[in-house]
Each structure stands twice: as C-alpha cells, then as structure tokens.
Amino acid sequence: MTQVAITLETDVASAFLKAKPQMRKKAETLVNLWLKDLFVKKANARKELFEIMQTAGKIAQANGLTPEKLQKILNEKG
C-alpha cells in the first residue's frame, strides 16, 4: 500500500486522530474501498463498455451494417 495525504475537515481529522487504532483501521479500509469504487472500478467499467461497443461495431460492419443502413434503422418508427 502507498500512503497519501488528503485534506479533511478539522472535526473529522481530530476525531480520526483521537480514535482507537482498530477504529482508525476500519476507517482506512472504508475510505480505501470507497476511493477504489470511485476511481478504479468506474474507470475500468467505462473502458470495458468502450471495448464492448467497439466489438459490436466491428461485428455489425462484418455483417453488412453501413452508416446509411444504421441511420435508416434509427429513423424507423417503432
């Protein structure tokens, strides 16, 4: 793991510094999970979606879908 510094509100920082070691560890774990979800998982999800969309486009082109045919399909009323 790598240690980084983040800015906290004064009351939050004070409470964290006064907390027992096991409570601080829990807080660190929760913050780590939250930041992972915020920065890592979402970035990976966007990358995976883009890759899926590229693959779908290639398959559609290989099966004869052209931009003109796609536009015609999109213009059709359901």
PDB file of N, CA and C in Angstrom:
ATOM      1  N   MET A   1       0.837  -1.179   0.000  1.00  0.00           N
ATOM      2  CA  MET A   1       0.000   0.000   0.000  1.00  0.00           C
ATOM      3  C   MET A   1       0.885   1.246   0.000  1.00  0.00           C
ATOM      4  N   THR A   2       0.326   2.326  -0.484  1.00  0.00           N
ATOM      5  CA  THR A   2       1.023   3.598  -0.530  1.00  0.00           C
ATOM      6  C   THR A   2       0.279   4.598   0.336  1.00  0.00           C
ATOM      7  N   GLN A   3       1.019   5.369   1.093  1.00  0.00           N
ATOM      8  CA  GLN A   3       0.407   6.378   1.944  1.00  0.00           C
ATOM      9  C   GLN A   3       0.292   7.688   1.177  1.00  0.00           C
ATOM     10  N   VAL A   4      -0.895   8.316   1.261  1.00  0.00           N
ATOM     11  CA  VAL A   4      -1.120   9.624   0.651  1.00  0.00           C
ATOM     12  C   VAL A   4      -1.751  10.537   1.692  1.00  0.00           C
ATOM     13  N   ALA A   5      -1.706  11.814   1.449  1.00  0.00           N
ATOM     14  CA  ALA A   5      -2.328  12.787   2.352  1.00  0.00           C
ATOM     15  C   ALA A   5      -3.564  13.366   1.684  1.00  0.00           C
ATOM     16  N   ILE A   6      -4.648  13.473   2.445  1.00  0.00           N
ATOM     17  CA  ILE A   6      -5.853  14.124   1.949  1.00  0.00           C
ATOM     18  C   ILE A   6      -6.274  15.181   2.970  1.00  0.00           C
ATOM     19  N   THR A   7      -6.971  16.178   2.506  1.00  0.00           N
ATOM     20  CA  THR A   7      -7.437  17.247   3.377  1.00  0.00           C
ATOM     21  C   THR A   7      -8.808  16.872   3.932  1.00  0.00           C
ATOM     22  N   LEU A   8      -8.940  16.981   5.249  1.00  0.00           N
ATOM     23  CA  LEU A   8     -10.198  16.682   5.928  1.00  0.00           C
ATOM     24  C   LEU A   8     -10.680  17.906   6.682  1.00  0.00           C
ATOM     25  N   GLU A   9     -11.961  17.939   6.962  1.00  0.00           N
ATOM     26  CA  GLU A   9     -12.482  18.982   7.835  1.00  0.00           C
ATOM     27  C   GLU A   9     -11.850  18.803   9.204  1.00  0.00           C
ATOM     28  N   THR A  10     -11.663  19.886   9.918  1.00  0.00           N
ATOM     29  CA  THR A  10     -10.952  19.861  11.189  1.00  0.00           C
ATOM     30  C   THR A  10     -11.563  18.885  12.184  1.00  0.00           C
ATOM     31  N   ASP A  11     -12.876  18.882  12.313  1.00  0.00           N
ATOM     32  CA  ASP A  11     -13.512  17.985  13.289  1.00  0.00           C
ATOM     33  C   ASP A  11     -13.347  16.515  12.909  1.00  0.00           C
ATOM     34  N   VAL A  12     -13.362  16.226  11.616  1.00  0.00           N
ATOM     35  CA  VAL A  12     -13.182  14.847  11.148  1.00  0.00           C
ATOM     36  C   VAL A  12     -11.752  14.389  11.414  1.00  0.00           C
ATOM     37  N   ALA A  13     -10.788  15.242  11.089  1.00  0.00           N
ATOM     38  CA  ALA A  13      -9.385  14.903  11.317  1.00  0.00           C
ATOM     39  C   ALA A  13      -9.124  14.698  12.806  1.00  0.00           C
ATOM     40  N   SER A  14      -9.681  15.560  13.633  1.00  0.00           N
ATOM     41  CA  SER A  14      -9.487  15.451  15.081  1.00  0.00           C
ATOM     42  C   SER A  14     -10.065  14.147  15.612  1.00  0.00           C
ATOM     43  N   ALA A  15     -11.277  13.811  15.179  1.00  0.00           N
ATOM     44  CA  ALA A  15     -11.914  12.565  15.623  1.00  0.00           C
ATOM     45  C   ALA A  15     -11.106  11.351  15.178  1.00  0.00           C
ATOM     46  N   PHE A  16     -10.599  11.384  13.947  1.00  0.00           N
ATOM     47  CA  PHE A  16      -9.792  10.272  13.436  1.00  0.00           C
ATOM     48  C   PHE A  16      -8.526  10.106  14.268  1.00  0.00           C
ATOM     49  N   LEU A  17      -7.858  11.204  14.534  1.00  0.00           N
ATOM     50  CA  LEU A  17      -6.606  11.137  15.294  1.00  0.00           C
ATOM     51  C   LEU A  17      -6.815  10.687  16.739  1.00  0.00           C
ATOM     52  N   LYS A  18      -7.989  10.944  17.294  1.00  0.00           N
ATOM     53  CA  LYS A  18      -8.295  10.542  18.668  1.00  0.00           C
ATOM     54  C   LYS A  18      -8.836   9.102  18.759  1.00  0.00           C
ATOM     55  N   ALA A  19      -9.203   8.529  17.638  1.00  0.00           N
ATOM     56  CA  ALA A  19      -9.827   7.199  17.619  1.00  0.00           C
ATOM     57  C   ALA A  19      -8.829   6.111  17.991  1.00  0.00           C
ATOM     58  N   LYS A  20      -9.385   5.004  18.495  1.00  0.00           N
ATOM     59  CA  LYS A  20      -8.557   3.836  18.818  1.00  0.00           C
ATOM     60  C   LYS A  20      -8.002   3.246  17.518  1.00  0.00           C
ATOM     61  N   PRO A  21      -6.858   2.554  17.611  1.00  0.00           N
ATOM     62  CA  PRO A  21      -6.224   2.001  16.406  1.00  0.00           C
ATOM     63  C   PRO A  21      -7.146   1.130  15.560  1.00  0.00           C
ATOM     64  N   GLN A  22      -7.970   0.267  16.185  1.00  0.00           N
ATOM     65  CA  GLN A  22      -8.840  -0.595  15.375  1.00  0.00           C
ATOM     66  C   GLN A  22      -9.920   0.210  14.650  1.00  0.00           C
ATOM     67  N   MET A  23     -10.368   1.322  15.270  1.00  0.00           N
ATOM     68  CA  MET A  23     -11.357   2.172  14.604  1.00  0.00           C
ATOM     69  C   MET A  23     -10.701   2.937  13.449  1.00  0.00           C
ATOM     70  N   ARG A  24      -9.470   3.356  13.615  1.00  0.00           N
ATOM     71  CA  ARG A  24      -8.751   4.030  12.542  1.00  0.00           C
ATOM     72  C   ARG A  24      -8.542   3.075  11.362  1.00  0.00           C
ATOM     73  N   LYS A  25      -8.225   1.820  11.668  1.00  0.00           N
ATOM     74  CA  LYS A  25      -8.028   0.809  10.627  1.00  0.00           C
ATOM     75  C   LYS A  25      -9.321   0.589   9.849  1.00  0.00           C
ATOM     76  N   LYS A  26     -10.452   0.533  10.566  1.00  0.00           N
ATOM     77  CA  LYS A  26     -11.749   0.379   9.896  1.00  0.00           C
ATOM     78  C   LYS A  26     -12.005   1.560   8.970  1.00  0.00           C
ATOM     79  N   ALA A  27     -11.724   2.770   9.467  1.00  0.00           N
ATOM     80  CA  ALA A  27     -11.945   3.970   8.668  1.00  0.00           C
ATOM     81  C   ALA A  27     -11.064   3.951   7.424  1.00  0.00           C
ATOM     82  N   GLU A  28      -9.810   3.565   7.578  1.00  0.00           N
ATOM     83  CA  GLU A  28      -8.897   3.493   6.438  1.00  0.00           C
ATOM     84  C   GLU A  28      -9.384   2.482   5.403  1.00  0.00           C
ATOM     85  N   THR A  29      -9.883   1.352   5.887  1.00  0.00           N
ATOM     86  CA  THR A  29     -10.407   0.326   4.985  1.00  0.00           C
ATOM     87  C   THR A  29     -11.619   0.846   4.221  1.00  0.00           C
ATOM     88  N   LEU A  30     -12.532   1.506   4.920  1.00  0.00           N
ATOM     89  CA  LEU A  30     -13.727   2.043   4.270  1.00  0.00           C
ATOM     90  C   LEU A  30     -13.380   3.121   3.242  1.00  0.00           C
ATOM     91  N   VAL A  31     -12.466   4.010   3.604  1.00  0.00           N
ATOM     92  CA  VAL A  31     -12.053   5.056   2.673  1.00  0.00           C
ATOM     93  C   VAL A  31     -11.377   4.433   1.455  1.00  0.00           C
ATOM     94  N   ASN A  32     -10.539   3.435   1.677  1.00  0.00           N
ATOM     95  CA  ASN A  32      -9.864   2.759   0.571  1.00  0.00           C
ATOM     96  C   ASN A  32     -10.877   2.121  -0.387  1.00  0.00           C
ATOM     97  N   LEU A  33     -11.870   1.435   0.171  1.00  0.00           N
ATOM     98  CA  LEU A  33     -12.903   0.808  -0.662  1.00  0.00           C
ATOM     99  C   LEU A  33     -13.709   1.852  -1.427  1.00  0.00           C
ATOM    100  N   TRP A  34     -14.059   2.943  -0.752  1.00  0.00           N
ATOM    101  CA  TRP A  34     -14.843   3.998  -1.386  1.00  0.00           C
ATOM    102  C   TRP A  34     -14.060   4.634  -2.524  1.00  0.00           C
ATOM    103  N   LEU A  35     -12.794   4.952  -2.288  1.00  0.00           N
ATOM    104  CA  LEU A  35     -11.974   5.563  -3.335  1.00  0.00           C
ATOM    105  C   LEU A  35     -11.729   4.599  -4.496  1.00  0.00           C
ATOM    106  N   LYS A  36     -11.572   3.323  -4.189  1.00  0.00           N
ATOM    107  CA  LYS A  36     -11.398   2.318  -5.244  1.00  0.00           C
ATOM    108  C   LYS A  36     -12.628   2.281  -6.137  1.00  0.00           C
ATOM    109  N   ASP A  37     -13.809   2.277  -5.498  1.00  0.00           N
ATOM    110  CA  ASP A  37     -15.052   2.271  -6.255  1.00  0.00           C
ATOM    111  C   ASP A  37     -15.191   3.539  -7.089  1.00  0.00           C
ATOM    112  N   LEU A  38     -14.811   4.654  -6.523  1.00  0.00           N
ATOM    113  CA  LEU A  38     -14.940   5.942  -7.198  1.00  0.00           C
ATOM    114  C   LEU A  38     -13.979   6.103  -8.375  1.00  0.00           C
ATOM    115  N   PHE A  39     -12.728   5.711  -8.188  1.00  0.00           N
ATOM    116  CA  PHE A  39     -11.713   5.983  -9.206  1.00  0.00           C
ATOM    117  C   PHE A  39     -11.327   4.784 -10.060  1.00  0.00           C
ATOM    118  N   VAL A  40     -11.261   3.606  -9.488  1.00  0.00           N
ATOM    119  CA  VAL A  40     -10.733   2.449 -10.208  1.00  0.00           C
ATOM    120  C   VAL A  40     -11.834   1.678 -10.915  1.00  0.00           C
ATOM    121  N   LYS A  41     -12.845   1.265 -10.191  1.00  0.00           N
ATOM    122  CA  LYS A  41     -13.888   0.426 -10.797  1.00  0.00           C
ATOM    123  C   LYS A  41     -14.633   1.153 -11.895  1.00  0.00           C
ATOM    124  N   LYS A  42     -14.954   2.425 -11.694  1.00  0.00           N
ATOM    125  CA  LYS A  42     -15.691   3.162 -12.717  1.00  0.00           C
ATOM    126  C   LYS A  42     -14.851   3.363 -13.969  1.00  0.00           C
ATOM    127  N   ALA A  43     -13.575   3.606 -13.789  1.00  0.00           N
ATOM    128  CA  ALA A  43     -12.687   3.759 -14.954  1.00  0.00           C
ATOM    129  C   ALA A  43     -12.631   2.453 -15.722  1.00  0.00           C
ATOM    130  N   ASN A  44     -12.521   1.333 -15.018  1.00  0.00           N
ATOM    131  CA  ASN A  44     -12.485   0.027 -15.674  1.00  0.00           C
ATOM    132  C   ASN A  44     -13.808  -0.268 -16.363  1.00  0.00           C
ATOM    133  N   ALA A  45     -14.911   0.109 -15.738  1.00  0.00           N
ATOM    134  CA  ALA A  45     -16.229  -0.139 -16.333  1.00  0.00           C
ATOM    135  C   ALA A  45     -16.390   0.646 -17.625  1.00  0.00           C
ATOM    136  N   ARG A  46     -15.945   1.903 -17.643  1.00  0.00           N
ATOM    137  CA  ARG A  46     -16.025   2.703 -18.871  1.00  0.00           C
ATOM    138  C   ARG A  46     -15.163   2.089 -19.967  1.00  0.00           C
ATOM    139  N   LYS A  47     -13.974   1.623 -19.604  1.00  0.00           N
ATOM    140  CA  LYS A  47     -13.072   1.008 -20.580  1.00  0.00           C
ATOM    141  C   LYS A  47     -13.706  -0.259 -21.154  1.00  0.00           C
ATOM    142  N   GLU A  48     -14.289  -1.085 -20.287  1.00  0.00           N
ATOM    143  CA  GLU A  48     -14.926  -2.319 -20.743  1.00  0.00           C
ATOM    144  C   GLU A  48     -16.106  -2.019 -21.659  1.00  0.00           C
ATOM    145  N   LEU A  49     -16.919  -1.008 -21.302  1.00  0.00           N
ATOM    146  CA  LEU A  49     -18.058  -0.644 -22.139  1.00  0.00           C
ATOM    147  C   LEU A  49     -17.585  -0.185 -23.512  1.00  0.00           C
ATOM    148  N   PHE A  50     -16.535   0.638 -23.558  1.00  0.00           N
ATOM    149  CA  PHE A  50     -15.991   1.112 -24.830  1.00  0.00           C
ATOM    150  C   PHE A  50     -15.507  -0.058 -25.672  1.00  0.00           C
ATOM    151  N   GLU A  51     -14.825  -1.011 -25.049  1.00  0.00           N
ATOM    152  CA  GLU A  51     -14.342  -2.183 -25.779  1.00  0.00           C
ATOM    153  C   GLU A  51     -15.502  -3.010 -26.329  1.00  0.00           C
ATOM    154  N   ILE A  52     -16.559  -3.169 -25.540  1.00  0.00           N
ATOM    155  CA  ILE A  52     -17.745  -3.909 -25.995  1.00  0.00           C
ATOM    156  C   ILE A  52     -18.388  -3.193 -27.178  1.00  0.00           C
ATOM    157  N   MET A  53     -18.485  -1.877 -27.082  1.00  0.00           N
ATOM    158  CA  MET A  53     -19.082  -1.109 -28.174  1.00  0.00           C
ATOM    159  C   MET A  53     -18.244  -1.216 -29.453  1.00  0.00           C
ATOM    160  N   GLN A  54     -16.922  -1.195 -29.323  1.00  0.00           N
ATOM    161  CA  GLN A  54     -16.059  -1.357 -30.493  1.00  0.00           C
ATOM    162  C   GLN A  54     -16.251  -2.728 -31.123  1.00  0.00           C
ATOM    163  N   THR A  55     -16.314  -3.758 -30.296  1.00  0.00           N
ATOM    164  CA  THR A  55     -16.510  -5.120 -30.800  1.00  0.00           C
ATOM    165  C   THR A  55     -17.858  -5.239 -31.496  1.00  0.00           C
ATOM    166  N   ALA A  56     -18.901  -4.677 -30.893  1.00  0.00           N
ATOM    167  CA  ALA A  56     -20.233  -4.724 -31.507  1.00  0.00           C
ATOM    168  C   ALA A  56     -20.226  -4.012 -32.854  1.00  0.00           C
ATOM    169  N   GLY A  57     -19.545  -2.887 -32.935  1.00  0.00           N
ATOM    170  CA  GLY A  57     -19.453  -2.158 -34.200  1.00  0.00           C
ATOM    171  C   GLY A  57     -18.755  -2.962 -35.275  1.00  0.00           C
ATOM    172  N   LYS A  58     -17.671  -3.633 -34.905  1.00  0.00           N
ATOM    173  CA  LYS A  58     -16.933  -4.450 -35.869  1.00  0.00           C
ATOM    174  C   LYS A  58     -17.788  -5.623 -36.356  1.00  0.00           C
ATOM    175  N   ILE A  59     -18.511  -6.246 -35.445  1.00  0.00           N
ATOM    176  CA  ILE A  59     -19.391  -7.365 -35.825  1.00  0.00           C
ATOM    177  C   ILE A  59     -20.485  -6.866 -36.751  1.00  0.00           C
ATOM    178  N   ALA A  60     -21.074  -5.694 -36.433  1.00  0.00           N
ATOM    179  CA  ALA A  60     -22.136  -5.135 -37.269  1.00  0.00           C
ATOM    180  C   ALA A  60     -21.611  -4.833 -38.673  1.00  0.00           C
ATOM    181  N   GLN A  61     -20.429  -4.247 -38.757  1.00  0.00           N
ATOM    182  CA  GLN A  61     -19.833  -3.957 -40.069  1.00  0.00           C
ATOM    183  C   GLN A  61     -19.553  -5.240 -40.837  1.00  0.00           C
ATOM    184  N   ALA A  62     -19.044  -6.246 -40.146  1.00  0.00           N
ATOM    185  CA  ALA A  62     -18.745  -7.527 -40.805  1.00  0.00           C
ATOM    186  C   ALA A  62     -20.011  -8.180 -41.333  1.00  0.00           C
ATOM    187  N   ASN A  63     -21.155  -7.870 -40.729  1.00  0.00           N
ATOM    188  CA  ASN A  63     -22.433  -8.427 -41.165  1.00  0.00           C
ATOM    189  C   ASN A  63     -23.192  -7.497 -42.107  1.00  0.00           C
ATOM    190  N   GLY A  64     -22.493  -6.475 -42.620  1.00  0.00           N
ATOM    191  CA  GLY A  64     -23.086  -5.644 -43.661  1.00  0.00           C
ATOM    192  C   GLY A  64     -23.746  -4.359 -43.197  1.00  0.00           C
ATOM    193  N   LEU A  65     -23.653  -4.015 -41.938  1.00  0.00           N
ATOM    194  CA  LEU A  65     -24.267  -2.769 -41.486  1.00  0.00           C
ATOM    195  C   LEU A  65     -23.384  -1.592 -41.907  1.00  0.00           C
ATOM    196  N   THR A  66     -23.986  -0.659 -42.596  1.00  0.00           N
ATOM    197  CA  THR A  66     -23.278   0.543 -43.030  1.00  0.00           C
ATOM    198  C   THR A  66     -23.855   1.730 -42.260  1.00  0.00           C
ATOM    199  N   PRO A  67     -23.169   2.860 -42.270  1.00  0.00           N
ATOM    200  CA  PRO A  67     -23.733   4.041 -41.611  1.00  0.00           C
ATOM    201  C   PRO A  67     -25.113   4.419 -42.163  1.00  0.00           C
ATOM    202  N   GLU A  68     -25.290   4.238 -43.461  1.00  0.00           N
ATOM    203  CA  GLU A  68     -26.576   4.562 -44.081  1.00  0.00           C
ATOM    204  C   GLU A  68     -27.681   3.631 -43.584  1.00  0.00           C
ATOM    205  N   LYS A  69     -27.378   2.334 -43.527  1.00  0.00           N
ATOM    206  CA  LYS A  69     -28.364   1.365 -43.029  1.00  0.00           C
ATOM    207  C   LYS A  69     -28.686   1.641 -41.561  1.00  0.00           C
ATOM    208  N   LEU A  70     -27.687   1.974 -40.778  1.00  0.00           N
ATOM    209  CA  LEU A  70     -27.916   2.278 -39.373  1.00  0.00           C
ATOM    210  C   LEU A  70     -28.821   3.492 -39.235  1.00  0.00           C
ATOM    211  N   GLN A  71     -28.564   4.514 -40.021  1.00  0.00           N
ATOM    212  CA  GLN A  71     -29.394   5.736 -39.953  1.00  0.00           C
ATOM    213  C   GLN A  71     -30.827   5.414 -40.331  1.00  0.00           C
ATOM    214  N   LYS A  72     -31.023   4.569 -41.341  1.00  0.00           N
ATOM    215  CA  LYS A  72     -32.370   4.180 -41.754  1.00  0.00           C
ATOM    216  C   LYS A  72     -33.084   3.455 -40.613  1.00  0.00           C
ATOM    217  N   ILE A  73     -32.370   2.557 -39.940  1.00  0.00           N
ATOM    218  CA  ILE A  73     -32.951   1.820 -38.813  1.00  0.00           C
ATOM    219  C   ILE A  73     -33.324   2.794 -37.695  1.00  0.00           C
ATOM    220  N   LEU A  74     -32.434   3.735 -37.402  1.00  0.00           N
ATOM    221  CA  LEU A  74     -32.701   4.694 -36.329  1.00  0.00           C
ATOM    222  C   LEU A  74     -33.864   5.629 -36.654  1.00  0.00           C
ATOM    223  N   ASN A  75     -34.086   5.868 -37.953  1.00  0.00           N
ATOM    224  CA  ASN A  75     -35.177   6.759 -38.367  1.00  0.00           C
ATOM    225  C   ASN A  75     -36.530   6.053 -38.416  1.00  0.00           C
ATOM    226  N   GLU A  76     -36.536   4.724 -38.408  1.00  0.00           N
ATOM    227  CA  GLU A  76     -37.783   3.973 -38.463  1.00  0.00           C
ATOM    228  C   GLU A  76     -38.583   4.207 -37.186  1.00  0.00           C
ATOM    229  N   LYS A  77     -39.872   4.283 -37.332  1.00  0.00           N
ATOM    230  CA  LYS A  77     -40.738   4.456 -36.161  1.00  0.00           C
ATOM    231  C   LYS A  77     -41.120   3.080 -35.635  1.00  0.00           C
ATOM    232  N   GLY A  78     -41.070   2.932 -34.308  1.00  0.00           N
ATOM    233  CA  GLY A  78     -41.335   1.639 -33.695  1.00  0.00           C
ATOM    234  C   GLY A  78     -42.714   1.361 -33.464  1.00  0.00           C
TER     235      GLY A  78
END
